[in-house]
Structures are given as C-alpha cells and as structure tokens.
C-alpha cells in the first residue's frame, strides 16, 4: 500500500519499525563506534532515537484524557 491509503497510525507504526531497524544496524560496537558510520556519535542512530522518542510522546498525548471545560456554548448548560 502507498502512503495516501495509510492511516496515521499505520504511518506512525512504519516510522517506528524503520527507526528500530536503523538502531539495530547502527548499534555501537565494542569500541563504542558505529560499525557503519565509524563514528562515536552516529547521527543516523541519533535521528532514529529522536523519531522513537517523538512517536512515544505523540502516543502519550493522544491517549491522555484531558478534563473538558464546559463553557457558555455547551448545549447541556443551556436551559
């Protein structure tokens, strides 16, 4: 399936799976360096961690229930 036919949850899940696969490939070796990038601070792994952290924050925000404030426009208040 292509992106226009995917739900937001499916896109989010694919981003998470891709970020996890990148972290598996760009893990630190015994010398503390990424075997692919050959650097200690792998920018690809850092970006993948940022994607995972952001996806987790968005999930937490969307599942959190916030108390609703009833205002003057609330139909149940009128009458």
PDB file of N, CA and C in Angstrom:
ATOM      1  N   UNK A   1       0.823  -1.191   0.000  1.00  0.00           N
ATOM      2  CA  UNK A   1       0.000   0.000   0.000  1.00  0.00           C
ATOM      3  C   UNK A   1       0.861   1.246   0.000  1.00  0.00           C
ATOM      4  N   UNK A   2       0.385   2.261  -0.616  1.00  0.00           N
ATOM      5  CA  UNK A   2       1.128   3.519  -0.645  1.00  0.00           C
ATOM      6  C   UNK A   2       0.584   4.470   0.404  1.00  0.00           C
ATOM      7  N   UNK A   3       1.343   5.492   0.687  1.00  0.00           N
ATOM      8  CA  UNK A   3       1.041   6.403   1.790  1.00  0.00           C
ATOM      9  C   UNK A   3      -0.354   7.030   1.756  1.00  0.00           C
ATOM     10  N   UNK A   4      -0.901   7.445   0.615  1.00  0.00           N
ATOM     11  CA  UNK A   4      -2.215   8.093   0.686  1.00  0.00           C
ATOM     12  C   UNK A   4      -3.314   7.173   1.213  1.00  0.00           C
ATOM     13  N   UNK A   5      -3.074   5.875   1.198  1.00  0.00           N
ATOM     14  CA  UNK A   5      -4.097   4.946   1.653  1.00  0.00           C
ATOM     15  C   UNK A   5      -3.839   4.430   3.063  1.00  0.00           C
ATOM     16  N   UNK A   6      -2.810   4.936   3.723  1.00  0.00           N
ATOM     17  CA  UNK A   6      -2.485   4.502   5.071  1.00  0.00           C
ATOM     18  C   UNK A   6      -3.087   5.465   6.086  1.00  0.00           C
ATOM     19  N   UNK A   7      -3.485   4.914   7.220  1.00  0.00           N
ATOM     20  CA  UNK A   7      -3.965   5.768   8.303  1.00  0.00           C
ATOM     21  C   UNK A   7      -2.759   6.377   9.012  1.00  0.00           C
ATOM     22  N   UNK A   8      -3.002   7.379   9.830  1.00  0.00           N
ATOM     23  CA  UNK A   8      -1.918   7.999  10.577  1.00  0.00           C
ATOM     24  C   UNK A   8      -1.252   7.000  11.512  1.00  0.00           C
ATOM     25  N   UNK A   9      -2.029   6.113  12.100  1.00  0.00           N
ATOM     26  CA  UNK A   9      -1.466   5.091  12.988  1.00  0.00           C
ATOM     27  C   UNK A   9      -0.550   4.146  12.221  1.00  0.00           C
ATOM     28  N   UNK A  10      -0.922   3.786  11.003  1.00  0.00           N
ATOM     29  CA  UNK A  10      -0.087   2.901  10.199  1.00  0.00           C
ATOM     30  C   UNK A  10       1.222   3.589   9.803  1.00  0.00           C
ATOM     31  N   UNK A  11       1.153   4.862   9.474  1.00  0.00           N
ATOM     32  CA  UNK A  11       2.362   5.612   9.136  1.00  0.00           C
ATOM     33  C   UNK A  11       3.278   5.693  10.356  1.00  0.00           C
ATOM     34  N   UNK A  12       2.698   5.985  11.512  1.00  0.00           N
ATOM     35  CA  UNK A  12       3.463   6.051  12.764  1.00  0.00           C
ATOM     36  C   UNK A  12       4.135   4.714  13.046  1.00  0.00           C
ATOM     37  N   UNK A  13       3.406   3.610  12.881  1.00  0.00           N
ATOM     38  CA  UNK A  13       3.967   2.290  13.134  1.00  0.00           C
ATOM     39  C   UNK A  13       5.113   1.975  12.182  1.00  0.00           C
ATOM     40  N   UNK A  14       4.985   2.379  10.927  1.00  0.00           N
ATOM     41  CA  UNK A  14       6.066   2.140   9.966  1.00  0.00           C
ATOM     42  C   UNK A  14       7.300   2.962  10.303  1.00  0.00           C
ATOM     43  N   UNK A  15       7.101   4.186  10.767  1.00  0.00           N
ATOM     44  CA  UNK A  15       8.236   5.002  11.193  1.00  0.00           C
ATOM     45  C   UNK A  15       8.957   4.355  12.370  1.00  0.00           C
ATOM     46  N   UNK A  16       8.189   3.822  13.319  1.00  0.00           N
ATOM     47  CA  UNK A  16       8.779   3.163  14.483  1.00  0.00           C
ATOM     48  C   UNK A  16       9.560   1.926  14.065  1.00  0.00           C
ATOM     49  N   UNK A  17       8.976   1.100  13.196  1.00  0.00           N
ATOM     50  CA  UNK A  17       9.672  -0.106  12.737  1.00  0.00           C
ATOM     51  C   UNK A  17      10.962   0.240  11.996  1.00  0.00           C
ATOM     52  N   UNK A  18      10.923   1.276  11.180  1.00  0.00           N
ATOM     53  CA  UNK A  18      12.111   1.687  10.447  1.00  0.00           C
ATOM     54  C   UNK A  18      13.184   2.204  11.398  1.00  0.00           C
ATOM     55  N   UNK A  19      12.789   2.998  12.380  1.00  0.00           N
ATOM     56  CA  UNK A  19      13.753   3.531  13.348  1.00  0.00           C
ATOM     57  C   UNK A  19      14.392   2.399  14.146  1.00  0.00           C
ATOM     58  N   UNK A  20      13.611   1.401  14.535  1.00  0.00           N
ATOM     59  CA  UNK A  20      14.175   0.261  15.269  1.00  0.00           C
ATOM     60  C   UNK A  20      15.153  -0.527  14.413  1.00  0.00           C
ATOM     61  N   UNK A  21      14.842  -0.709  13.140  1.00  0.00           N
ATOM     62  CA  UNK A  21      15.754  -1.426  12.239  1.00  0.00           C
ATOM     63  C   UNK A  21      17.058  -0.643  12.073  1.00  0.00           C
ATOM     64  N   UNK A  22      16.968   0.671  11.982  1.00  0.00           N
ATOM     65  CA  UNK A  22      18.168   1.504  11.863  1.00  0.00           C
ATOM     66  C   UNK A  22      19.023   1.368  13.117  1.00  0.00           C
ATOM     67  N   UNK A  23      18.386   1.365  14.288  1.00  0.00           N
ATOM     68  CA  UNK A  23      19.148   1.236  15.531  1.00  0.00           C
ATOM     69  C   UNK A  23      19.826  -0.128  15.623  1.00  0.00           C
ATOM     70  N   UNK A  24      19.191  -1.170  15.091  1.00  0.00           N
ATOM     71  CA  UNK A  24      19.841  -2.494  15.075  1.00  0.00           C
ATOM     72  C   UNK A  24      21.086  -2.460  14.197  1.00  0.00           C
ATOM     73  N   UNK A  25      21.004  -1.791  13.057  1.00  0.00           N
ATOM     74  CA  UNK A  25      22.141  -1.728  12.139  1.00  0.00           C
ATOM     75  C   UNK A  25      23.247  -0.800  12.640  1.00  0.00           C
ATOM     76  N   UNK A  26      22.873   0.274  13.298  1.00  0.00           N
ATOM     77  CA  UNK A  26      23.836   1.291  13.727  1.00  0.00           C
ATOM     78  C   UNK A  26      24.129   1.205  15.225  1.00  0.00           C
ATOM     79  N   UNK A  27      24.144   0.010  15.779  1.00  0.00           N
ATOM     80  CA  UNK A  27      24.457  -0.154  17.197  1.00  0.00           C
ATOM     81  C   UNK A  27      25.949   0.087  17.423  1.00  0.00           C
ATOM     82  N   UNK A  28      26.298   0.442  18.646  1.00  0.00           N
ATOM     83  CA  UNK A  28      27.700   0.699  18.956  1.00  0.00           C
ATOM     84  C   UNK A  28      28.447  -0.619  19.068  1.00  0.00           C
ATOM     85  N   UNK A  29      29.639  -0.634  18.501  1.00  0.00           N
ATOM     86  CA  UNK A  29      30.484  -1.812  18.578  1.00  0.00           C
ATOM     87  C   UNK A  29      31.229  -1.851  19.900  1.00  0.00           C
ATOM     88  N   UNK A  30      32.131  -2.830  20.058  1.00  0.00           N
ATOM     89  CA  UNK A  30      32.885  -2.935  21.313  1.00  0.00           C
ATOM     90  C   UNK A  30      33.771  -1.719  21.583  1.00  0.00           C
ATOM     91  N   UNK A  31      34.168  -1.015  20.532  1.00  0.00           N
ATOM     92  CA  UNK A  31      34.993   0.175  20.721  1.00  0.00           C
ATOM     93  C   UNK A  31      34.153   1.432  20.912  1.00  0.00           C
ATOM     94  N   UNK A  32      32.808   1.301  20.931  1.00  0.00           N
ATOM     95  CA  UNK A  32      31.912   2.437  21.151  1.00  0.00           C
ATOM     96  C   UNK A  32      31.580   3.218  19.899  1.00  0.00           C
ATOM     97  N   UNK A  33      32.025   2.708  18.741  1.00  0.00           N
ATOM     98  CA  UNK A  33      31.759   3.397  17.485  1.00  0.00           C
ATOM     99  C   UNK A  33      30.758   2.619  16.656  1.00  0.00           C
ATOM    100  N   UNK A  34      30.021   3.320  15.840  1.00  0.00           N
ATOM    101  CA  UNK A  34      29.059   2.698  14.929  1.00  0.00           C
ATOM    102  C   UNK A  34      29.843   1.968  13.843  1.00  0.00           C
ATOM    103  N   UNK A  35      29.526   0.696  13.572  1.00  0.00           N
ATOM    104  CA  UNK A  35      30.276  -0.035  12.555  1.00  0.00           C
ATOM    105  C   UNK A  35      30.023   0.464  11.131  1.00  0.00           C
ATOM    106  N   UNK A  36      28.927   1.118  10.892  1.00  0.00           N
ATOM    107  CA  UNK A  36      28.610   1.605   9.549  1.00  0.00           C
ATOM    108  C   UNK A  36      29.174   3.008   9.334  1.00  0.00           C
ATOM    109  N   UNK A  37      28.873   3.906  10.260  1.00  0.00           N
ATOM    110  CA  UNK A  37      29.331   5.296  10.136  1.00  0.00           C
ATOM    111  C   UNK A  37      30.763   5.479  10.618  1.00  0.00           C
ATOM    112  N   UNK A  38      31.230   4.569  11.425  1.00  0.00           N
ATOM    113  CA  UNK A  38      32.577   4.611  12.003  1.00  0.00           C
ATOM    114  C   UNK A  38      32.815   5.864  12.847  1.00  0.00           C
ATOM    115  N   UNK A  39      31.772   6.303  13.521  1.00  0.00           N
ATOM    116  CA  UNK A  39      31.904   7.453  14.420  1.00  0.00           C
ATOM    117  C   UNK A  39      31.340   7.074  15.781  1.00  0.00           C
ATOM    118  N   UNK A  40      31.784   7.792  16.812  1.00  0.00           N
ATOM    119  CA  UNK A  40      31.283   7.527  18.159  1.00  0.00           C
ATOM    120  C   UNK A  40      29.860   8.062  18.321  1.00  0.00           C
ATOM    121  N   UNK A  41      29.591   9.210  17.760  1.00  0.00           N
ATOM    122  CA  UNK A  41      28.255   9.807  17.848  1.00  0.00           C
ATOM    123  C   UNK A  41      27.594   9.666  16.476  1.00  0.00           C
ATOM    124  N   UNK A  42      26.956   8.541  16.250  1.00  0.00           N
ATOM    125  CA  UNK A  42      26.351   8.246  14.948  1.00  0.00           C
ATOM    126  C   UNK A  42      25.121   9.135  14.731  1.00  0.00           C
ATOM    127  N   UNK A  43      25.132  10.008  13.735  1.00  0.00           N
ATOM    128  CA  UNK A  43      23.989  10.892  13.505  1.00  0.00           C
ATOM    129  C   UNK A  43      22.740  10.134  13.053  1.00  0.00           C
ATOM    130  N   UNK A  44      22.922   9.018  12.385  1.00  0.00           N
ATOM    131  CA  UNK A  44      21.771   8.227  11.930  1.00  0.00           C
ATOM    132  C   UNK A  44      21.068   7.609  13.129  1.00  0.00           C
ATOM    133  N   UNK A  45      21.830   7.044  14.066  1.00  0.00           N
ATOM    134  CA  UNK A  45      21.245   6.458  15.271  1.00  0.00           C
ATOM    135  C   UNK A  45      20.579   7.532  16.126  1.00  0.00           C
ATOM    136  N   UNK A  46      21.189   8.705  16.182  1.00  0.00           N
ATOM    137  CA  UNK A  46      20.591   9.807  16.939  1.00  0.00           C
ATOM    138  C   UNK A  46      19.248  10.207  16.347  1.00  0.00           C
ATOM    139  N   UNK A  47      19.167  10.284  15.036  1.00  0.00           N
ATOM    140  CA  UNK A  47      17.902  10.628  14.379  1.00  0.00           C
ATOM    141  C   UNK A  47      16.854   9.548  14.633  1.00  0.00           C
ATOM    142  N   UNK A  48      17.250   8.280  14.602  1.00  0.00           N
ATOM    143  CA  UNK A  48      16.308   7.184  14.860  1.00  0.00           C
ATOM    144  C   UNK A  48      15.790   7.254  16.294  1.00  0.00           C
ATOM    145  N   UNK A  49      16.671   7.556  17.239  1.00  0.00           N
ATOM    146  CA  UNK A  49      16.225   7.700  18.637  1.00  0.00           C
ATOM    147  C   UNK A  49      15.247   8.865  18.783  1.00  0.00           C
ATOM    148  N   UNK A  50      15.503   9.954  18.061  1.00  0.00           N
ATOM    149  CA  UNK A  50      14.589  11.107  18.101  1.00  0.00           C
ATOM    150  C   UNK A  50      13.215  10.740  17.545  1.00  0.00           C
ATOM    151  N   UNK A  51      13.184   9.950  16.472  1.00  0.00           N
ATOM    152  CA  UNK A  51      11.909   9.512  15.896  1.00  0.00           C
ATOM    153  C   UNK A  51      11.145   8.671  16.912  1.00  0.00           C
ATOM    154  N   UNK A  52      11.835   7.735  17.573  1.00  0.00           N
ATOM    155  CA  UNK A  52      11.162   6.883  18.568  1.00  0.00           C
ATOM    156  C   UNK A  52      10.648   7.702  19.740  1.00  0.00           C
ATOM    157  N   UNK A  53      11.456   8.641  20.218  1.00  0.00           N
ATOM    158  CA  UNK A  53      11.035   9.468  21.353  1.00  0.00           C
ATOM    159  C   UNK A  53       9.815  10.320  20.981  1.00  0.00           C
ATOM    160  N   UNK A  54       9.841  10.907  19.798  1.00  0.00           N
ATOM    161  CA  UNK A  54       8.721  11.737  19.351  1.00  0.00           C
ATOM    162  C   UNK A  54       7.457  10.907  19.164  1.00  0.00           C
ATOM    163  N   UNK A  55       7.592   9.724  18.575  1.00  0.00           N
ATOM    164  CA  UNK A  55       6.423   8.865  18.383  1.00  0.00           C
ATOM    165  C   UNK A  55       5.821   8.452  19.720  1.00  0.00           C
ATOM    166  N   UNK A  56       6.668   8.216  20.711  1.00  0.00           N
ATOM    167  CA  UNK A  56       6.170   7.852  22.035  1.00  0.00           C
ATOM    168  C   UNK A  56       5.457   9.031  22.690  1.00  0.00           C
ATOM    169  N   UNK A  57       6.023  10.232  22.554  1.00  0.00           N
ATOM    170  CA  UNK A  57       5.394  11.425  23.136  1.00  0.00           C
ATOM    171  C   UNK A  57       4.036  11.695  22.495  1.00  0.00           C
ATOM    172  N   UNK A  58       3.954  11.554  21.191  1.00  0.00           N
ATOM    173  CA  UNK A  58       2.689  11.788  20.494  1.00  0.00           C
ATOM    174  C   UNK A  58       1.656  10.764  20.939  1.00  0.00           C
ATOM    175  N   UNK A  59       2.063   9.515  21.095  1.00  0.00           N
ATOM    176  CA  UNK A  59       1.140   8.466  21.544  1.00  0.00           C
ATOM    177  C   UNK A  59       0.633   8.771  22.948  1.00  0.00           C
ATOM    178  N   UNK A  60       1.524   9.210  23.834  1.00  0.00           N
ATOM    179  CA  UNK A  60       1.112   9.538  25.198  1.00  0.00           C
ATOM    180  C   UNK A  60       0.138  10.707  25.216  1.00  0.00           C
ATOM    181  N   UNK A  61       0.384  11.701  24.368  1.00  0.00           N
ATOM    182  CA  UNK A  61      -0.531  12.852  24.313  1.00  0.00           C
ATOM    183  C   UNK A  61      -1.895  12.478  23.772  1.00  0.00           C
ATOM    184  N   UNK A  62      -1.925  11.590  22.779  1.00  0.00           N
ATOM    185  CA  UNK A  62      -3.205  11.258  22.165  1.00  0.00           C
ATOM    186  C   UNK A  62      -4.035  10.333  23.040  1.00  0.00           C
ATOM    187  N   UNK A  63      -3.403   9.579  23.946  1.00  0.00           N
ATOM    188  CA  UNK A  63      -4.168   8.683  24.813  1.00  0.00           C
ATOM    189  C   UNK A  63      -4.498   9.324  26.150  1.00  0.00           C
ATOM    190  N   UNK A  64      -3.887  10.449  26.469  1.00  0.00           N
ATOM    191  CA  UNK A  64      -4.175  11.130  27.728  1.00  0.00           C
ATOM    192  C   UNK A  64      -5.546  11.786  27.646  1.00  0.00           C
ATOM    193  N   UNK A  65      -6.282  11.668  28.714  1.00  0.00           N
ATOM    194  CA  UNK A  65      -7.601  12.304  28.749  1.00  0.00           C
ATOM    195  C   UNK A  65      -7.488  13.607  29.505  1.00  0.00           C
ATOM    196  N   UNK A  66      -7.892  14.647  28.857  1.00  0.00           N
ATOM    197  CA  UNK A  66      -7.877  15.957  29.483  1.00  0.00           C
ATOM    198  C   UNK A  66      -9.289  16.320  29.905  1.00  0.00           C
ATOM    199  N   UNK A  67      -9.428  16.912  31.076  1.00  0.00           N
ATOM    200  CA  UNK A  67     -10.773  17.313  31.508  1.00  0.00           C
ATOM    201  C   UNK A  67     -11.326  18.386  30.590  1.00  0.00           C
ATOM    202  N   UNK A  68     -12.563  18.251  30.242  1.00  0.00           N
ATOM    203  CA  UNK A  68     -13.180  19.241  29.364  1.00  0.00           C
ATOM    204  C   UNK A  68     -13.775  20.357  30.209  1.00  0.00           C
ATOM    205  N   UNK A  69     -13.630  21.549  29.723  1.00  0.00           N
ATOM    206  CA  UNK A  69     -14.202  22.704  30.410  1.00  0.00           C
ATOM    207  C   UNK A  69     -15.512  23.055  29.738  1.00  0.00           C
ATOM    208  N   UNK A  70     -16.577  23.081  30.513  1.00  0.00           N
ATOM    209  CA  UNK A  70     -17.865  23.439  29.924  1.00  0.00           C
ATOM    210  C   UNK A  70     -17.981  24.960  29.909  1.00  0.00           C
ATOM    211  N   UNK A  71     -18.350  25.469  28.779  1.00  0.00           N
ATOM    212  CA  UNK A  71     -18.470  26.916  28.623  1.00  0.00           C
ATOM    213  C   UNK A  71     -19.900  27.303  28.304  1.00  0.00           C
ATOM    214  N   UNK A  72     -20.073  28.539  27.915  1.00  0.00           N
ATOM    215  CA  UNK A  72     -21.406  29.028  27.609  1.00  0.00           C
ATOM    216  C   UNK A  72     -21.958  28.393  26.351  1.00  0.00           C
ATOM    217  N   UNK A  73     -21.106  27.923  25.472  1.00  0.00           N
ATOM    218  CA  UNK A  73     -21.569  27.323  24.219  1.00  0.00           C
ATOM    219  C   UNK A  73     -21.956  25.857  24.376  1.00  0.00           C
ATOM    220  N   UNK A  74     -21.804  25.311  25.576  1.00  0.00           N
ATOM    221  CA  UNK A  74     -22.135  23.911  25.807  1.00  0.00           C
ATOM    222  C   UNK A  74     -23.648  23.746  25.795  1.00  0.00           C
ATOM    223  N   UNK A  75     -24.208  22.910  24.898  1.00  0.00           N
ATOM    224  CA  UNK A  75     -25.670  22.762  24.806  1.00  0.00           C
ATOM    225  C   UNK A  75     -26.293  22.202  26.085  1.00  0.00           C
ATOM    226  N   UNK A  76     -25.532  21.467  26.869  1.00  0.00           N
ATOM    227  CA  UNK A  76     -26.112  20.896  28.082  1.00  0.00           C
ATOM    228  C   UNK A  76     -26.257  21.948  29.172  1.00  0.00           C
ATOM    229  N   UNK A  77     -25.515  23.030  29.094  1.00  0.00           N
ATOM    230  CA  UNK A  77     -25.587  24.095  30.079  1.00  0.00           C
ATOM    231  C   UNK A  77     -26.785  24.990  29.839  1.00  0.00           C
ATOM    232  N   UNK A  78     -27.250  25.087  28.612  1.00  0.00           N
ATOM    233  CA  UNK A  78     -28.347  25.998  28.294  1.00  0.00           C
ATOM    234  C   UNK A  78     -29.662  25.425  28.821  1.00  0.00           C
ATOM    235  N   UNK A  79     -30.471  26.268  29.372  1.00  0.00           N
ATOM    236  CA  UNK A  79     -31.814  25.857  29.729  1.00  0.00           C
ATOM    237  C   UNK A  79     -32.111  25.843  31.106  1.00  0.00           C
TER     238      UNK A  79
END
